[in-house]
Amino acid sequence: MHRTHVIIDNELFKKLNGEIWEFRTIYNQTKYRLLTFWDKKRKKLVIVTHGFVKKTSKVSSKEIERAESIRLEYYKQNNE
């Protein structure tokens, strides 16, 4: 039996609050941010709530609130 371990790369993922994480990437010299969370039941499933082009060094509370709202709706729709 093989076990898989989840390793979070600090270069790519940064925890923003409770369950919301920021995935960072660059494409064509533009910095993109995707806000994500892990599914509670399927621990290896990452759900992307939304993304945006990074313009400041800090993610706004509005973006985090939006991600949290989407996360709650996801669990509501999946009866979790």
PDB file of N, CA and C in Angstrom:
ATOM      1  N   MET A   1       0.847  -1.174   0.000  1.00  0.00           N
ATOM      2  CA  MET A   1       0.000   0.000   0.000  1.00  0.00           C
ATOM      3  C   MET A   1       0.896   1.242   0.000  1.00  0.00           C
ATOM      4  N   HIS A   2       0.587   2.170  -0.875  1.00  0.00           N
ATOM      5  CA  HIS A   2       1.348   3.414  -0.967  1.00  0.00           C
ATOM      6  C   HIS A   2       0.504   4.559  -0.434  1.00  0.00           C
ATOM      7  N   ARG A   3       1.144   5.412   0.303  1.00  0.00           N
ATOM      8  CA  ARG A   3       0.461   6.607   0.812  1.00  0.00           C
ATOM      9  C   ARG A   3       1.032   7.827   0.099  1.00  0.00           C
ATOM     10  N   THR A   4       0.150   8.736  -0.207  1.00  0.00           N
ATOM     11  CA  THR A   4       0.563   9.974  -0.845  1.00  0.00           C
ATOM     12  C   THR A   4       0.578  11.075   0.201  1.00  0.00           C
ATOM     13  N   HIS A   5       1.602  11.878   0.173  1.00  0.00           N
ATOM     14  CA  HIS A   5       1.700  13.004   1.095  1.00  0.00           C
ATOM     15  C   HIS A   5       1.545  14.294   0.305  1.00  0.00           C
ATOM     16  N   VAL A   6       0.759  15.188   0.849  1.00  0.00           N
ATOM     17  CA  VAL A   6       0.587  16.491   0.218  1.00  0.00           C
ATOM     18  C   VAL A   6       1.708  17.400   0.708  1.00  0.00           C
ATOM     19  N   ILE A   7       2.466  17.928  -0.224  1.00  0.00           N
ATOM     20  CA  ILE A   7       3.529  18.867   0.103  1.00  0.00           C
ATOM     21  C   ILE A   7       3.146  20.209  -0.494  1.00  0.00           C
ATOM     22  N   ILE A   8       3.059  21.215   0.345  1.00  0.00           N
ATOM     23  CA  ILE A   8       2.681  22.545  -0.123  1.00  0.00           C
ATOM     24  C   ILE A   8       3.952  23.326  -0.412  1.00  0.00           C
ATOM     25  N   ASP A   9       4.095  23.731  -1.654  1.00  0.00           N
ATOM     26  CA  ASP A   9       5.257  24.503  -2.082  1.00  0.00           C
ATOM     27  C   ASP A   9       5.034  25.963  -1.700  1.00  0.00           C
ATOM     28  N   ASN A  10       5.837  26.469  -0.773  1.00  0.00           N
ATOM     29  CA  ASN A  10       5.677  27.850  -0.311  1.00  0.00           C
ATOM     30  C   ASN A  10       5.951  28.879  -1.395  1.00  0.00           C
ATOM     31  N   GLU A  11       6.587  28.465  -2.478  1.00  0.00           N
ATOM     32  CA  GLU A  11       6.801  29.374  -3.608  1.00  0.00           C
ATOM     33  C   GLU A  11       5.505  29.555  -4.397  1.00  0.00           C
ATOM     34  N   LEU A  12       4.638  28.548  -4.369  1.00  0.00           N
ATOM     35  CA  LEU A  12       3.404  28.577  -5.150  1.00  0.00           C
ATOM     36  C   LEU A  12       2.170  28.894  -4.313  1.00  0.00           C
ATOM     37  N   PHE A  13       2.087  28.325  -3.106  1.00  0.00           N
ATOM     38  CA  PHE A  13       0.907  28.481  -2.265  1.00  0.00           C
ATOM     39  C   PHE A  13       1.219  29.291  -1.016  1.00  0.00           C
ATOM     40  N   LYS A  14       0.273  30.146  -0.653  1.00  0.00           N
ATOM     41  CA  LYS A  14       0.402  30.933   0.577  1.00  0.00           C
ATOM     42  C   LYS A  14      -0.964  30.941   1.259  1.00  0.00           C
ATOM     43  N   LYS A  15      -0.990  30.600   2.536  1.00  0.00           N
ATOM     44  CA  LYS A  15      -2.248  30.607   3.282  1.00  0.00           C
ATOM     45  C   LYS A  15      -2.635  32.049   3.591  1.00  0.00           C
ATOM     46  N   LEU A  16      -3.875  32.412   3.245  1.00  0.00           N
ATOM     47  CA  LEU A  16      -4.347  33.776   3.477  1.00  0.00           C
ATOM     48  C   LEU A  16      -5.136  33.888   4.773  1.00  0.00           C
ATOM     49  N   ASN A  17      -5.997  32.920   5.018  1.00  0.00           N
ATOM     50  CA  ASN A  17      -6.754  32.851   6.271  1.00  0.00           C
ATOM     51  C   ASN A  17      -7.340  31.452   6.393  1.00  0.00           C
ATOM     52  N   GLY A  18      -8.042  31.167   7.468  1.00  0.00           N
ATOM     53  CA  GLY A  18      -8.672  29.875   7.708  1.00  0.00           C
ATOM     54  C   GLY A  18      -8.455  28.807   6.661  1.00  0.00           C
ATOM     55  N   GLU A  19      -9.300  28.793   5.632  1.00  0.00           N
ATOM     56  CA  GLU A  19      -9.269  27.753   4.608  1.00  0.00           C
ATOM     57  C   GLU A  19      -8.840  28.264   3.236  1.00  0.00           C
ATOM     58  N   ILE A  20      -8.638  29.541   3.093  1.00  0.00           N
ATOM     59  CA  ILE A  20      -8.347  30.135   1.780  1.00  0.00           C
ATOM     60  C   ILE A  20      -6.844  30.259   1.569  1.00  0.00           C
ATOM     61  N   TRP A  21      -6.423  29.787   0.396  1.00  0.00           N
ATOM     62  CA  TRP A  21      -5.012  29.829   0.004  1.00  0.00           C
ATOM     63  C   TRP A  21      -4.879  30.610  -1.293  1.00  0.00           C
ATOM     64  N   GLU A  22      -3.705  31.174  -1.496  1.00  0.00           N
ATOM     65  CA  GLU A  22      -3.386  31.901  -2.723  1.00  0.00           C
ATOM     66  C   GLU A  22      -2.397  31.051  -3.519  1.00  0.00           C
ATOM     67  N   PHE A  23      -2.740  30.763  -4.771  1.00  0.00           N
ATOM     68  CA  PHE A  23      -1.826  30.082  -5.685  1.00  0.00           C
ATOM     69  C   PHE A  23      -1.230  31.153  -6.583  1.00  0.00           C
ATOM     70  N   ARG A  24       0.094  31.207  -6.640  1.00  0.00           N
ATOM     71  CA  ARG A  24       0.781  32.259  -7.392  1.00  0.00           C
ATOM     72  C   ARG A  24       1.443  31.680  -8.639  1.00  0.00           C
ATOM     73  N   THR A  25       1.276  32.372  -9.746  1.00  0.00           N
ATOM     74  CA  THR A  25       1.928  31.953 -10.980  1.00  0.00           C
ATOM     75  C   THR A  25       2.209  33.173 -11.856  1.00  0.00           C
ATOM     76  N   ILE A  26       3.123  33.002 -12.784  1.00  0.00           N
ATOM     77  CA  ILE A  26       3.469  34.067 -13.734  1.00  0.00           C
ATOM     78  C   ILE A  26       3.358  33.495 -15.141  1.00  0.00           C
ATOM     79  N   TYR A  27       2.725  34.250 -16.028  1.00  0.00           N
ATOM     80  CA  TYR A  27       2.606  33.852 -17.424  1.00  0.00           C
ATOM     81  C   TYR A  27       2.810  35.096 -18.276  1.00  0.00           C
ATOM     82  N   ASN A  28       3.721  35.019 -19.233  1.00  0.00           N
ATOM     83  CA  ASN A  28       4.035  36.162 -20.099  1.00  0.00           C
ATOM     84  C   ASN A  28       4.336  37.426 -19.291  1.00  0.00           C
ATOM     85  N   GLN A  29       5.100  37.264 -18.247  1.00  0.00           N
ATOM     86  CA  GLN A  29       5.544  38.361 -17.376  1.00  0.00           C
ATOM     87  C   GLN A  29       4.405  39.038 -16.609  1.00  0.00           C
ATOM     88  N   THR A  30       3.255  38.402 -16.550  1.00  0.00           N
ATOM     89  CA  THR A  30       2.129  38.914 -15.774  1.00  0.00           C
ATOM     90  C   THR A  30       1.909  37.990 -14.588  1.00  0.00           C
ATOM     91  N   LYS A  31       1.776  38.569 -13.400  1.00  0.00           N
ATOM     92  CA  LYS A  31       1.569  37.785 -12.186  1.00  0.00           C
ATOM     93  C   LYS A  31       0.073  37.559 -11.975  1.00  0.00           C
ATOM     94  N   TYR A  32      -0.292  36.282 -11.846  1.00  0.00           N
ATOM     95  CA  TYR A  32      -1.681  35.900 -11.620  1.00  0.00           C
ATOM     96  C   TYR A  32      -1.819  35.291 -10.236  1.00  0.00           C
ATOM     97  N   ARG A  33      -2.984  35.487  -9.647  1.00  0.00           N
ATOM     98  CA  ARG A  33      -3.305  34.894  -8.358  1.00  0.00           C
ATOM     99  C   ARG A  33      -4.622  34.141  -8.487  1.00  0.00           C
ATOM    100  N   LEU A  34      -4.634  32.914  -7.996  1.00  0.00           N
ATOM    101  CA  LEU A  34      -5.849  32.110  -7.937  1.00  0.00           C
ATOM    102  C   LEU A  34      -6.121  31.826  -6.466  1.00  0.00           C
ATOM    103  N   LEU A  35      -7.320  32.121  -6.004  1.00  0.00           N
ATOM    104  CA  LEU A  35      -7.671  31.813  -4.623  1.00  0.00           C
ATOM    105  C   LEU A  35      -8.320  30.438  -4.600  1.00  0.00           C
ATOM    106  N   THR A  36      -7.886  29.625  -3.651  1.00  0.00           N
ATOM    107  CA  THR A  36      -8.241  28.209  -3.633  1.00  0.00           C
ATOM    108  C   THR A  36      -8.574  27.743  -2.221  1.00  0.00           C
ATOM    109  N   PHE A  37      -9.121  26.521  -2.154  1.00  0.00           N
ATOM    110  CA  PHE A  37      -9.254  25.801  -0.885  1.00  0.00           C
ATOM    111  C   PHE A  37      -9.239  24.312  -1.198  1.00  0.00           C
ATOM    112  N   TRP A  38      -8.941  23.511  -0.187  1.00  0.00           N
ATOM    113  CA  TRP A  38      -8.931  22.066  -0.361  1.00  0.00           C
ATOM    114  C   TRP A  38     -10.283  21.507   0.036  1.00  0.00           C
ATOM    115  N   ASP A  39     -10.782  20.552  -0.756  1.00  0.00           N
ATOM    116  CA  ASP A  39     -12.015  19.858  -0.433  1.00  0.00           C
ATOM    117  C   ASP A  39     -11.810  19.074   0.865  1.00  0.00           C
ATOM    118  N   LYS A  40     -12.754  19.164   1.795  1.00  0.00           N
ATOM    119  CA  LYS A  40     -12.619  18.513   3.103  1.00  0.00           C
ATOM    120  C   LYS A  40     -12.605  16.990   3.005  1.00  0.00           C
ATOM    121  N   LYS A  41     -13.429  16.431   2.122  1.00  0.00           N
ATOM    122  CA  LYS A  41     -13.522  14.969   2.012  1.00  0.00           C
ATOM    123  C   LYS A  41     -12.437  14.393   1.114  1.00  0.00           C
ATOM    124  N   ARG A  42     -12.200  15.039   0.005  1.00  0.00           N
ATOM    125  CA  ARG A  42     -11.175  14.572  -0.944  1.00  0.00           C
ATOM    126  C   ARG A  42      -9.977  15.492  -0.793  1.00  0.00           C
ATOM    127  N   LYS A  43      -9.132  15.175   0.148  1.00  0.00           N
ATOM    128  CA  LYS A  43      -8.035  16.053   0.587  1.00  0.00           C
ATOM    129  C   LYS A  43      -7.097  16.500  -0.533  1.00  0.00           C
ATOM    130  N   LYS A  44      -7.056  15.754  -1.630  1.00  0.00           N
ATOM    131  CA  LYS A  44      -6.131  16.108  -2.715  1.00  0.00           C
ATOM    132  C   LYS A  44      -6.799  16.944  -3.797  1.00  0.00           C
ATOM    133  N   LEU A  45      -8.073  17.276  -3.601  1.00  0.00           N
ATOM    134  CA  LEU A  45      -8.820  18.061  -4.577  1.00  0.00           C
ATOM    135  C   LEU A  45      -8.763  19.535  -4.192  1.00  0.00           C
ATOM    136  N   VAL A  46      -8.179  20.341  -5.063  1.00  0.00           N
ATOM    137  CA  VAL A  46      -8.084  21.783  -4.832  1.00  0.00           C
ATOM    138  C   VAL A  46      -9.158  22.465  -5.668  1.00  0.00           C
ATOM    139  N   ILE A  47      -9.948  23.302  -5.038  1.00  0.00           N
ATOM    140  CA  ILE A  47     -11.006  24.047  -5.713  1.00  0.00           C
ATOM    141  C   ILE A  47     -10.528  25.487  -5.900  1.00  0.00           C
ATOM    142  N   VAL A  48     -10.579  25.972  -7.130  1.00  0.00           N
ATOM    143  CA  VAL A  48     -10.223  27.364  -7.416  1.00  0.00           C
ATOM    144  C   VAL A  48     -11.509  28.182  -7.386  1.00  0.00           C
ATOM    145  N   THR A  49     -11.539  29.197  -6.535  1.00  0.00           N
ATOM    146  CA  THR A  49     -12.739  30.033  -6.442  1.00  0.00           C
ATOM    147  C   THR A  49     -12.767  31.090  -7.533  1.00  0.00           C
ATOM    148  N   HIS A  50     -11.652  31.758  -7.727  1.00  0.00           N
ATOM    149  CA  HIS A  50     -11.545  32.782  -8.767  1.00  0.00           C
ATOM    150  C   HIS A  50     -10.095  33.231  -8.864  1.00  0.00           C
ATOM    151  N   GLY A  51      -9.811  34.003  -9.897  1.00  0.00           N
ATOM    152  CA  GLY A  51      -8.451  34.485 -10.099  1.00  0.00           C
ATOM    153  C   GLY A  51      -8.443  35.944 -10.509  1.00  0.00           C
ATOM    154  N   PHE A  52      -7.250  36.535 -10.433  1.00  0.00           N
ATOM    155  CA  PHE A  52      -7.097  37.934 -10.814  1.00  0.00           C
ATOM    156  C   PHE A  52      -5.634  38.214 -11.102  1.00  0.00           C
ATOM    157  N   VAL A  53      -5.390  39.323 -11.777  1.00  0.00           N
ATOM    158  CA  VAL A  53      -4.023  39.764 -12.049  1.00  0.00           C
ATOM    159  C   VAL A  53      -3.537  40.502 -10.812  1.00  0.00           C
ATOM    160  N   LYS A  54      -2.354  40.143 -10.370  1.00  0.00           N
ATOM    161  CA  LYS A  54      -1.789  40.774  -9.173  1.00  0.00           C
ATOM    162  C   LYS A  54      -1.331  42.184  -9.508  1.00  0.00           C
ATOM    163  N   LYS A  55      -1.828  43.151  -8.738  1.00  0.00           N
ATOM    164  CA  LYS A  55      -1.432  44.546  -8.940  1.00  0.00           C
ATOM    165  C   LYS A  55      -0.783  45.127  -7.695  1.00  0.00           C
ATOM    166  N   THR A  56      -1.047  44.524  -6.542  1.00  0.00           N
ATOM    167  CA  THR A  56      -0.454  44.982  -5.283  1.00  0.00           C
ATOM    168  C   THR A  56       0.182  43.790  -4.580  1.00  0.00           C
ATOM    169  N   SER A  57       0.948  44.059  -3.546  1.00  0.00           N
ATOM    170  CA  SER A  57       1.637  42.971  -2.852  1.00  0.00           C
ATOM    171  C   SER A  57       0.711  42.174  -1.936  1.00  0.00           C
ATOM    172  N   LYS A  58      -0.405  42.766  -1.530  1.00  0.00           N
ATOM    173  CA  LYS A  58      -1.317  42.101  -0.607  1.00  0.00           C
ATOM    174  C   LYS A  58      -2.659  41.844  -1.285  1.00  0.00           C
ATOM    175  N   VAL A  59      -3.227  40.671  -1.012  1.00  0.00           N
ATOM    176  CA  VAL A  59      -4.550  40.340  -1.538  1.00  0.00           C
ATOM    177  C   VAL A  59      -5.583  41.118  -0.726  1.00  0.00           C
ATOM    178  N   SER A  60      -6.504  41.774  -1.417  1.00  0.00           N
ATOM    179  CA  SER A  60      -7.503  42.596  -0.727  1.00  0.00           C
ATOM    180  C   SER A  60      -8.480  41.725   0.062  1.00  0.00           C
ATOM    181  N   SER A  61      -9.009  42.289   1.129  1.00  0.00           N
ATOM    182  CA  SER A  61      -9.989  41.560   1.939  1.00  0.00           C
ATOM    183  C   SER A  61     -11.241  41.253   1.117  1.00  0.00           C
ATOM    184  N   LYS A  62     -11.555  42.091   0.144  1.00  0.00           N
ATOM    185  CA  LYS A  62     -12.709  41.861  -0.740  1.00  0.00           C
ATOM    186  C   LYS A  62     -12.536  40.554  -1.517  1.00  0.00           C
ATOM    187  N   GLU A  63     -11.326  40.305  -2.027  1.00  0.00           N
ATOM    188  CA  GLU A  63     -11.050  39.070  -2.775  1.00  0.00           C
ATOM    189  C   GLU A  63     -11.133  37.855  -1.856  1.00  0.00           C
ATOM    190  N   ILE A  64     -10.616  37.989  -0.640  1.00  0.00           N
ATOM    191  CA  ILE A  64     -10.660  36.878   0.318  1.00  0.00           C
ATOM    192  C   ILE A  64     -12.105  36.584   0.714  1.00  0.00           C
ATOM    193  N   GLU A  65     -12.896  37.621   0.947  1.00  0.00           N
ATOM    194  CA  GLU A  65     -14.313  37.443   1.284  1.00  0.00           C
ATOM    195  C   GLU A  65     -15.065  36.770   0.146  1.00  0.00           C
ATOM    196  N   ARG A  66     -14.745  37.132  -1.083  1.00  0.00           N
ATOM    197  CA  ARG A  66     -15.379  36.505  -2.244  1.00  0.00           C
ATOM    198  C   ARG A  66     -15.043  35.014  -2.287  1.00  0.00           C
ATOM    199  N   ALA A  67     -13.779  34.674  -2.062  1.00  0.00           N
ATOM    200  CA  ALA A  67     -13.355  33.273  -2.062  1.00  0.00           C
ATOM    201  C   ALA A  67     -14.052  32.498  -0.949  1.00  0.00           C
ATOM    202  N   GLU A  68     -14.156  33.097   0.221  1.00  0.00           N
ATOM    203  CA  GLU A  68     -14.818  32.436   1.354  1.00  0.00           C
ATOM    204  C   GLU A  68     -16.293  32.212   1.058  1.00  0.00           C
ATOM    205  N   SER A  69     -16.941  33.170   0.431  1.00  0.00           N
ATOM    206  CA  SER A  69     -18.346  33.037   0.052  1.00  0.00           C
ATOM    207  C   SER A  69     -18.537  31.885  -0.937  1.00  0.00           C
ATOM    208  N   ILE A  70     -17.655  31.784  -1.907  1.00  0.00           N
ATOM    209  CA  ILE A  70     -17.721  30.700  -2.896  1.00  0.00           C
ATOM    210  C   ILE A  70     -17.464  29.359  -2.220  1.00  0.00           C
ATOM    211  N   ARG A  71     -16.519  29.318  -1.273  1.00  0.00           N
ATOM    212  CA  ARG A  71     -16.228  28.083  -0.541  1.00  0.00           C
ATOM    213  C   ARG A  71     -17.457  27.613   0.235  1.00  0.00           C
ATOM    214  N   LEU A  72     -18.117  28.524   0.932  1.00  0.00           N
ATOM    215  CA  LEU A  72     -19.316  28.167   1.691  1.00  0.00           C
ATOM    216  C   LEU A  72     -20.429  27.673   0.770  1.00  0.00           C
ATOM    217  N   GLU A  73     -20.596  28.315  -0.374  1.00  0.00           N
ATOM    218  CA  GLU A  73     -21.608  27.890  -1.349  1.00  0.00           C
ATOM    219  C   GLU A  73     -21.290  26.496  -1.892  1.00  0.00           C
ATOM    220  N   TYR A  74     -20.018  26.216  -2.130  1.00  0.00           N
ATOM    221  CA  TYR A  74     -19.587  24.891  -2.605  1.00  0.00           C
ATOM    222  C   TYR A  74     -20.030  23.809  -1.621  1.00  0.00           C
ATOM    223  N   TYR A  75     -19.768  24.021  -0.329  1.00  0.00           N
ATOM    224  CA  TYR A  75     -20.144  23.026   0.673  1.00  0.00           C
ATOM    225  C   TYR A  75     -21.659  22.936   0.837  1.00  0.00           C
ATOM    226  N   LYS A  76     -22.345  24.046   0.697  1.00  0.00           N
ATOM    227  CA  LYS A  76     -23.807  24.047   0.783  1.00  0.00           C
ATOM    228  C   LYS A  76     -24.402  23.212  -0.352  1.00  0.00           C
ATOM    229  N   GLN A  77     -23.890  23.386  -1.561  1.00  0.00           N
ATOM    230  CA  GLN A  77     -24.388  22.639  -2.718  1.00  0.00           C
ATOM    231  C   GLN A  77     -24.043  21.159  -2.648  1.00  0.00           C
ATOM    232  N   ASN A  78     -22.960  20.832  -1.937  1.00  0.00           N
ATOM    233  CA  ASN A  78     -22.532  19.441  -1.819  1.00  0.00           C
ATOM    234  C   ASN A  78     -22.954  18.819  -0.490  1.00  0.00           C
ATOM    235  N   ASN A  79     -23.865  19.490   0.218  1.00  0.00           N
ATOM    236  CA  ASN A  79     -24.398  18.992   1.493  1.00  0.00           C
ATOM    237  C   ASN A  79     -23.314  18.600   2.477  1.00  0.00           C
ATOM    238  N   GLU A  80     -22.323  19.442   2.594  1.00  0.00           N
ATOM    239  CA  GLU A  80     -21.223  19.152   3.532  1.00  0.00           C
ATOM    240  C   GLU A  80     -21.219  20.151   4.659  1.00  0.00           C
TER     241      GLU A  80
END
